[in-house]
Amino acid sequence: MGDTPQLFKFDLVQNRYDSMGNSDTYIKPMVTSEFSKSMCGGINVLNNIKVPWDLTCDEIIYCLEGTFRLVCDGKSYVCNRGDVLFVPKDNHISYESDGKCVIFYAAYPHNWKQLAGITQVPGIDPDDFVPG
């Protein structure tokens, strides 16, 4: 468990960002249970895609680039660069983009995947998947 600040550079996702397909998503977990006992976060790059999801944690999304859309109960929440969106847990949502966008996400609790019994998340490479 880290007791000091940790710096994560965009370089961690740059190669995947540059090689994204026409309809693709890539999630790079950065803050994991290795660093925090309470929350997690990372970068999600979406390109012309819709990803339906049952959200089992609270999530804050910050749009870094492009236009990101979250759909919940038929309502669209459109985020552009600099916008922040809070999404409470227990919602059926869809992460969407009509072009390439980059978001930062922070989620609570950090072990939401483990609590929900989730063993795979679309867009997370198996080597980066952290269950708790």
N, C-alpha and C. Protein backbone atom coordinates (compact mmCIF):
# COMPACT_ATOMS: atom_id res chain seq x y z
N MET A 1 0.86 -1.18 0.00
CA MET A 1 0.00 0.00 0.00
C MET A 1 0.89 1.23 0.00
N GLY A 2 0.69 2.11 -0.95
CA GLY A 2 1.49 3.32 -1.04
C GLY A 2 1.11 4.34 0.02
N ASP A 3 2.11 4.93 0.65
CA ASP A 3 1.87 5.97 1.64
C ASP A 3 2.32 7.33 1.15
N THR A 4 2.71 7.41 -0.10
CA THR A 4 3.17 8.66 -0.68
C THR A 4 2.38 8.94 -1.95
N PRO A 5 2.37 10.18 -2.41
CA PRO A 5 1.68 10.47 -3.68
C PRO A 5 2.26 9.63 -4.82
N GLN A 6 1.41 9.31 -5.77
CA GLN A 6 1.83 8.54 -6.93
C GLN A 6 1.48 9.35 -8.19
N LEU A 7 2.41 9.46 -9.10
CA LEU A 7 2.20 10.19 -10.34
C LEU A 7 2.05 9.19 -11.48
N PHE A 8 0.97 9.33 -12.25
CA PHE A 8 0.70 8.47 -13.40
C PHE A 8 0.67 9.36 -14.64
N LYS A 9 1.50 9.08 -15.61
CA LYS A 9 1.61 9.88 -16.82
C LYS A 9 0.74 9.32 -17.94
N PHE A 10 0.29 10.21 -18.83
CA PHE A 10 -0.51 9.80 -19.98
C PHE A 10 0.27 8.84 -20.87
N ASP A 11 1.59 8.85 -20.73
CA ASP A 11 2.43 7.91 -21.49
C ASP A 11 1.97 6.47 -21.31
N LEU A 12 1.34 6.17 -20.18
CA LEU A 12 0.87 4.81 -19.91
C LEU A 12 -0.19 4.36 -20.92
N VAL A 13 -0.89 5.31 -21.54
CA VAL A 13 -1.94 4.97 -22.50
C VAL A 13 -1.65 5.46 -23.91
N GLN A 14 -0.57 6.18 -24.10
CA GLN A 14 -0.30 6.84 -25.39
C GLN A 14 -0.29 5.87 -26.57
N ASN A 15 0.40 4.74 -26.44
CA ASN A 15 0.47 3.79 -27.56
C ASN A 15 -0.90 3.25 -27.93
N ARG A 16 -1.70 2.88 -26.92
CA ARG A 16 -3.05 2.38 -27.20
C ARG A 16 -3.91 3.49 -27.79
N TYR A 17 -3.77 4.71 -27.25
CA TYR A 17 -4.51 5.86 -27.76
C TYR A 17 -4.24 6.06 -29.25
N ASP A 18 -2.97 5.98 -29.62
CA ASP A 18 -2.57 6.20 -31.01
C ASP A 18 -3.03 5.09 -31.95
N SER A 19 -3.27 3.89 -31.42
CA SER A 19 -3.61 2.76 -32.28
C SER A 19 -5.06 2.31 -32.13
N MET A 20 -5.93 3.16 -31.59
CA MET A 20 -7.34 2.79 -31.39
C MET A 20 -8.01 2.47 -32.71
N GLY A 21 -8.87 1.47 -32.69
CA GLY A 21 -9.65 1.11 -33.87
C GLY A 21 -10.82 2.07 -34.06
N ASN A 22 -11.59 1.86 -35.12
CA ASN A 22 -12.72 2.75 -35.44
C ASN A 22 -13.86 2.64 -34.45
N SER A 23 -13.98 1.53 -33.75
CA SER A 23 -14.99 1.35 -32.72
C SER A 23 -14.33 0.56 -31.60
N ASP A 24 -13.90 1.27 -30.59
CA ASP A 24 -13.03 0.64 -29.59
C ASP A 24 -13.14 1.38 -28.27
N THR A 25 -12.77 0.71 -27.20
CA THR A 25 -12.62 1.35 -25.90
C THR A 25 -11.40 0.76 -25.22
N TYR A 26 -10.72 1.57 -24.45
CA TYR A 26 -9.55 1.12 -23.71
C TYR A 26 -9.57 1.78 -22.34
N ILE A 27 -9.50 0.96 -21.31
CA ILE A 27 -9.48 1.47 -19.94
C ILE A 27 -8.13 1.12 -19.33
N LYS A 28 -7.47 2.11 -18.77
CA LYS A 28 -6.20 1.89 -18.09
C LYS A 28 -6.38 2.23 -16.61
N PRO A 29 -6.58 1.20 -15.76
CA PRO A 29 -6.63 1.48 -14.33
C PRO A 29 -5.28 2.01 -13.87
N MET A 30 -5.31 3.04 -13.07
CA MET A 30 -4.07 3.62 -12.56
C MET A 30 -4.04 3.52 -11.03
N VAL A 31 -4.99 4.16 -10.38
CA VAL A 31 -5.10 4.05 -8.93
C VAL A 31 -5.92 2.79 -8.64
N THR A 32 -5.28 1.82 -8.03
CA THR A 32 -5.92 0.54 -7.72
C THR A 32 -5.76 0.25 -6.23
N SER A 33 -6.18 -0.94 -5.81
CA SER A 33 -6.04 -1.32 -4.41
C SER A 33 -4.58 -1.39 -3.98
N GLU A 34 -3.68 -1.40 -4.94
CA GLU A 34 -2.26 -1.35 -4.62
C GLU A 34 -1.89 0.00 -3.99
N PHE A 35 -2.66 1.04 -4.31
CA PHE A 35 -2.34 2.38 -3.85
C PHE A 35 -3.35 2.95 -2.86
N SER A 36 -4.59 2.49 -2.92
CA SER A 36 -5.65 3.09 -2.09
C SER A 36 -6.55 2.01 -1.50
N LYS A 37 -6.97 2.23 -0.27
CA LYS A 37 -7.91 1.33 0.39
C LYS A 37 -9.35 1.79 0.21
N SER A 38 -9.55 2.91 -0.50
CA SER A 38 -10.91 3.45 -0.57
C SER A 38 -11.43 3.72 -1.98
N MET A 39 -10.57 4.11 -2.91
CA MET A 39 -11.06 4.49 -4.23
C MET A 39 -10.13 3.98 -5.32
N CYS A 40 -10.60 4.08 -6.57
CA CYS A 40 -9.77 3.70 -7.71
C CYS A 40 -10.02 4.70 -8.83
N GLY A 41 -9.18 4.68 -9.84
CA GLY A 41 -9.37 5.60 -10.96
C GLY A 41 -8.40 5.32 -12.08
N GLY A 42 -8.68 5.93 -13.21
CA GLY A 42 -7.81 5.74 -14.35
C GLY A 42 -8.33 6.49 -15.57
N ILE A 43 -7.84 6.11 -16.72
CA ILE A 43 -8.18 6.74 -17.99
C ILE A 43 -8.99 5.77 -18.83
N ASN A 44 -10.01 6.30 -19.50
CA ASN A 44 -10.81 5.52 -20.44
C ASN A 44 -10.81 6.27 -21.76
N VAL A 45 -10.36 5.61 -22.82
CA VAL A 45 -10.41 6.18 -24.17
C VAL A 45 -11.52 5.44 -24.91
N LEU A 46 -12.46 6.19 -25.46
CA LEU A 46 -13.55 5.60 -26.22
C LEU A 46 -13.51 6.17 -27.63
N ASN A 47 -13.80 5.33 -28.61
CA ASN A 47 -13.82 5.78 -29.99
C ASN A 47 -15.03 5.18 -30.69
N ASN A 48 -16.04 6.01 -30.94
CA ASN A 48 -17.20 5.62 -31.72
C ASN A 48 -17.81 4.31 -31.20
N ILE A 49 -18.23 4.33 -29.94
CA ILE A 49 -18.68 3.08 -29.30
C ILE A 49 -19.77 3.35 -28.27
N LYS A 50 -20.57 2.32 -27.99
CA LYS A 50 -21.56 2.33 -26.92
C LYS A 50 -21.29 1.10 -26.06
N VAL A 51 -21.10 1.32 -24.76
CA VAL A 51 -20.81 0.23 -23.84
C VAL A 51 -21.86 0.24 -22.73
N PRO A 52 -22.88 -0.65 -22.81
CA PRO A 52 -23.86 -0.73 -21.74
C PRO A 52 -23.22 -1.33 -20.48
N TRP A 53 -23.68 -0.85 -19.31
CA TRP A 53 -23.04 -1.29 -18.06
C TRP A 53 -24.00 -1.13 -16.90
N ASP A 54 -23.96 -2.07 -15.97
CA ASP A 54 -24.68 -1.93 -14.70
C ASP A 54 -23.68 -1.42 -13.68
N LEU A 55 -23.83 -0.18 -13.28
CA LEU A 55 -22.86 0.48 -12.39
C LEU A 55 -23.08 0.05 -10.95
N THR A 56 -22.04 -0.52 -10.34
CA THR A 56 -22.14 -1.01 -8.97
C THR A 56 -21.30 -0.20 -8.00
N CYS A 57 -20.85 0.98 -8.44
CA CYS A 57 -20.06 1.86 -7.58
C CYS A 57 -20.40 3.30 -7.93
N ASP A 58 -20.11 4.22 -7.02
CA ASP A 58 -20.21 5.64 -7.36
C ASP A 58 -19.04 5.98 -8.28
N GLU A 59 -19.30 6.86 -9.25
CA GLU A 59 -18.24 7.20 -10.21
C GLU A 59 -18.27 8.70 -10.51
N ILE A 60 -17.10 9.26 -10.61
CA ILE A 60 -16.95 10.64 -11.07
C ILE A 60 -16.17 10.58 -12.37
N ILE A 61 -16.67 11.27 -13.38
CA ILE A 61 -16.05 11.28 -14.71
C ILE A 61 -15.66 12.71 -15.05
N TYR A 62 -14.44 12.89 -15.51
CA TYR A 62 -13.93 14.18 -15.96
C TYR A 62 -13.53 14.02 -17.42
N CYS A 63 -14.13 14.82 -18.29
CA CYS A 63 -13.84 14.73 -19.72
C CYS A 63 -12.57 15.51 -20.04
N LEU A 64 -11.58 14.82 -20.55
CA LEU A 64 -10.30 15.43 -20.90
C LEU A 64 -10.23 15.87 -22.36
N GLU A 65 -10.91 15.13 -23.23
CA GLU A 65 -10.80 15.39 -24.67
C GLU A 65 -12.03 14.85 -25.38
N GLY A 66 -12.51 15.57 -26.37
CA GLY A 66 -13.62 15.10 -27.18
C GLY A 66 -14.96 15.27 -26.48
N THR A 67 -15.95 14.49 -26.93
CA THR A 67 -17.29 14.53 -26.35
C THR A 67 -17.66 13.13 -25.87
N PHE A 68 -18.00 13.05 -24.60
CA PHE A 68 -18.41 11.80 -23.97
C PHE A 68 -19.89 11.91 -23.61
N ARG A 69 -20.60 10.81 -23.78
CA ARG A 69 -22.03 10.79 -23.45
C ARG A 69 -22.31 9.61 -22.54
N LEU A 70 -23.03 9.87 -21.46
CA LEU A 70 -23.50 8.81 -20.60
C LEU A 70 -25.02 8.80 -20.70
N VAL A 71 -25.60 7.64 -20.96
CA VAL A 71 -27.05 7.52 -21.06
C VAL A 71 -27.53 6.71 -19.86
N CYS A 72 -28.50 7.26 -19.14
CA CYS A 72 -29.07 6.62 -17.96
C CYS A 72 -30.58 6.82 -17.99
N ASP A 73 -31.34 5.73 -17.98
CA ASP A 73 -32.80 5.80 -18.01
C ASP A 73 -33.31 6.66 -19.17
N GLY A 74 -32.68 6.53 -20.33
CA GLY A 74 -33.11 7.23 -21.51
C GLY A 74 -32.67 8.69 -21.61
N LYS A 75 -32.00 9.19 -20.58
CA LYS A 75 -31.54 10.58 -20.60
C LYS A 75 -30.04 10.61 -20.88
N SER A 76 -29.64 11.50 -21.80
CA SER A 76 -28.23 11.65 -22.16
C SER A 76 -27.60 12.78 -21.36
N TYR A 77 -26.42 12.49 -20.86
CA TYR A 77 -25.60 13.49 -20.17
C TYR A 77 -24.35 13.67 -21.02
N VAL A 78 -24.24 14.82 -21.69
CA VAL A 78 -23.17 15.06 -22.65
C VAL A 78 -22.07 15.87 -21.96
N CYS A 79 -20.86 15.33 -22.01
CA CYS A 79 -19.70 15.97 -21.38
C CYS A 79 -18.69 16.36 -22.46
N ASN A 80 -18.27 17.59 -22.41
CA ASN A 80 -17.20 18.08 -23.26
C ASN A 80 -15.98 18.37 -22.40
N ARG A 81 -14.90 18.70 -23.03
CA ARG A 81 -13.64 18.95 -22.32
C ARG A 81 -13.86 19.86 -21.11
N GLY A 82 -13.42 19.39 -19.95
CA GLY A 82 -13.51 20.16 -18.72
C GLY A 82 -14.76 19.88 -17.89
N ASP A 83 -15.72 19.14 -18.45
CA ASP A 83 -16.95 18.84 -17.71
C ASP A 83 -16.74 17.69 -16.75
N VAL A 84 -17.46 17.75 -15.61
CA VAL A 84 -17.42 16.71 -14.59
C VAL A 84 -18.82 16.14 -14.43
N LEU A 85 -18.91 14.83 -14.33
CA LEU A 85 -20.19 14.14 -14.18
C LEU A 85 -20.11 13.19 -13.00
N PHE A 86 -21.08 13.26 -12.09
CA PHE A 86 -21.18 12.30 -11.00
C PHE A 86 -22.27 11.30 -11.35
N VAL A 87 -21.96 10.01 -11.21
CA VAL A 87 -22.91 8.95 -11.52
C VAL A 87 -23.04 8.06 -10.28
N PRO A 88 -24.22 8.06 -9.63
CA PRO A 88 -24.38 7.20 -8.45
C PRO A 88 -24.49 5.73 -8.82
N LYS A 89 -24.09 4.87 -7.90
CA LYS A 89 -24.15 3.43 -8.12
C LYS A 89 -25.59 2.96 -8.31
N ASP A 90 -25.70 1.72 -8.74
CA ASP A 90 -26.99 1.05 -8.95
C ASP A 90 -27.81 1.66 -10.08
N ASN A 91 -27.14 2.09 -11.13
CA ASN A 91 -27.81 2.58 -12.34
C ASN A 91 -27.37 1.75 -13.53
N HIS A 92 -28.32 1.49 -14.44
CA HIS A 92 -27.99 0.86 -15.72
C HIS A 92 -27.68 2.00 -16.68
N ILE A 93 -26.46 2.01 -17.19
CA ILE A 93 -25.99 3.14 -17.99
C ILE A 93 -25.37 2.63 -19.29
N SER A 94 -25.00 3.58 -20.13
CA SER A 94 -24.23 3.29 -21.32
C SER A 94 -23.18 4.39 -21.47
N TYR A 95 -21.92 3.98 -21.61
CA TYR A 95 -20.83 4.90 -21.92
C TYR A 95 -20.79 5.01 -23.44
N GLU A 96 -20.82 6.24 -23.98
CA GLU A 96 -20.91 6.39 -25.43
C GLU A 96 -20.04 7.53 -25.95
N SER A 97 -19.58 7.36 -27.18
CA SER A 97 -18.91 8.44 -27.90
C SER A 97 -19.13 8.23 -29.39
N ASP A 98 -19.27 9.32 -30.12
CA ASP A 98 -19.45 9.26 -31.57
C ASP A 98 -18.13 9.47 -32.29
N GLY A 99 -17.09 9.75 -31.56
CA GLY A 99 -15.73 9.92 -32.07
C GLY A 99 -14.79 9.55 -30.95
N LYS A 100 -13.55 9.97 -31.02
CA LYS A 100 -12.60 9.66 -29.97
C LYS A 100 -12.75 10.64 -28.83
N CYS A 101 -12.82 10.10 -27.61
CA CYS A 101 -12.83 10.95 -26.42
C CYS A 101 -11.99 10.28 -25.34
N VAL A 102 -11.53 11.09 -24.41
CA VAL A 102 -10.74 10.60 -23.29
C VAL A 102 -11.37 11.12 -22.01
N ILE A 103 -11.63 10.20 -21.07
CA ILE A 103 -12.16 10.61 -19.78
C ILE A 103 -11.26 10.06 -18.68
N PHE A 104 -11.27 10.76 -17.56
CA PHE A 104 -10.69 10.25 -16.33
C PHE A 104 -11.85 9.82 -15.45
N TYR A 105 -11.74 8.67 -14.82
CA TYR A 105 -12.78 8.21 -13.91
C TYR A 105 -12.19 7.96 -12.53
N ALA A 106 -12.98 8.24 -11.52
CA ALA A 106 -12.66 7.87 -10.15
C ALA A 106 -13.87 7.13 -9.61
N ALA A 107 -13.65 6.02 -8.94
CA ALA A 107 -14.75 5.19 -8.45
C ALA A 107 -14.56 4.85 -6.98
N TYR A 108 -15.70 4.68 -6.31
CA TYR A 108 -15.72 4.28 -4.90
C TYR A 108 -16.80 3.24 -4.72
N PRO A 109 -16.52 2.16 -4.04
CA PRO A 109 -15.25 1.80 -3.42
C PRO A 109 -14.27 1.20 -4.44
N HIS A 110 -13.02 1.12 -4.05
CA HIS A 110 -11.96 0.64 -4.95
C HIS A 110 -12.16 -0.81 -5.34
N ASN A 111 -12.81 -1.60 -4.52
CA ASN A 111 -12.97 -3.02 -4.80
C ASN A 111 -14.37 -3.36 -5.32
N TRP A 112 -14.96 -2.44 -6.08
CA TRP A 112 -16.32 -2.63 -6.60
C TRP A 112 -16.43 -3.88 -7.47
N LYS A 113 -15.38 -4.20 -8.22
CA LYS A 113 -15.43 -5.38 -9.08
C LYS A 113 -15.50 -6.65 -8.23
N GLN A 114 -14.68 -6.71 -7.22
CA GLN A 114 -14.67 -7.86 -6.32
C GLN A 114 -16.01 -8.00 -5.61
N LEU A 115 -16.56 -6.90 -5.11
CA LEU A 115 -17.85 -6.94 -4.42
C LEU A 115 -18.98 -7.40 -5.33
N ALA A 116 -18.90 -7.05 -6.62
CA ALA A 116 -19.95 -7.42 -7.57
C ALA A 116 -19.67 -8.76 -8.26
N GLY A 117 -18.51 -9.37 -7.96
CA GLY A 117 -18.17 -10.64 -8.59
C GLY A 117 -17.82 -10.51 -10.06
N ILE A 118 -17.34 -9.36 -10.46
CA ILE A 118 -16.99 -9.10 -11.86
C ILE A 118 -15.56 -9.55 -12.12
N THR A 119 -15.38 -10.34 -13.17
CA THR A 119 -14.05 -10.85 -13.52
C THR A 119 -13.53 -10.32 -14.84
N GLN A 120 -14.37 -9.54 -15.54
CA GLN A 120 -13.95 -8.95 -16.81
C GLN A 120 -14.70 -7.65 -17.02
N VAL A 121 -14.01 -6.64 -17.51
CA VAL A 121 -14.61 -5.35 -17.84
C VAL A 121 -14.22 -5.02 -19.27
N PRO A 122 -15.21 -4.71 -20.15
CA PRO A 122 -14.87 -4.38 -21.53
C PRO A 122 -13.88 -3.22 -21.60
N GLY A 123 -12.77 -3.43 -22.28
CA GLY A 123 -11.79 -2.37 -22.46
C GLY A 123 -10.57 -2.47 -21.57
N ILE A 124 -10.64 -3.26 -20.49
CA ILE A 124 -9.46 -3.44 -19.63
C ILE A 124 -8.70 -4.66 -20.13
N ASP A 125 -7.44 -4.47 -20.45
CA ASP A 125 -6.60 -5.60 -20.85
C ASP A 125 -6.48 -6.57 -19.67
N PRO A 126 -6.49 -7.87 -19.92
CA PRO A 126 -6.39 -8.85 -18.83
C PRO A 126 -5.20 -8.60 -17.90
N ASP A 127 -4.08 -8.15 -18.45
CA ASP A 127 -2.91 -7.88 -17.62
C ASP A 127 -3.12 -6.71 -16.67
N ASP A 128 -4.07 -5.82 -17.00
CA ASP A 128 -4.34 -4.65 -16.16
C ASP A 128 -5.51 -4.85 -15.21
N PHE A 129 -6.22 -5.97 -15.34
CA PHE A 129 -7.40 -6.17 -14.53
C PHE A 129 -7.00 -6.43 -13.08
N VAL A 130 -7.55 -5.61 -12.18
CA VAL A 130 -7.32 -5.76 -10.75
C VAL A 130 -8.70 -5.98 -10.11
N PRO A 131 -8.95 -7.17 -9.54
CA PRO A 131 -10.28 -7.47 -9.03
C PRO A 131 -10.67 -6.66 -7.80
N GLY A 132 -9.71 -6.24 -7.03
CA GLY A 132 -10.07 -5.53 -5.80
C GLY A 132 -9.37 -4.24 -5.66
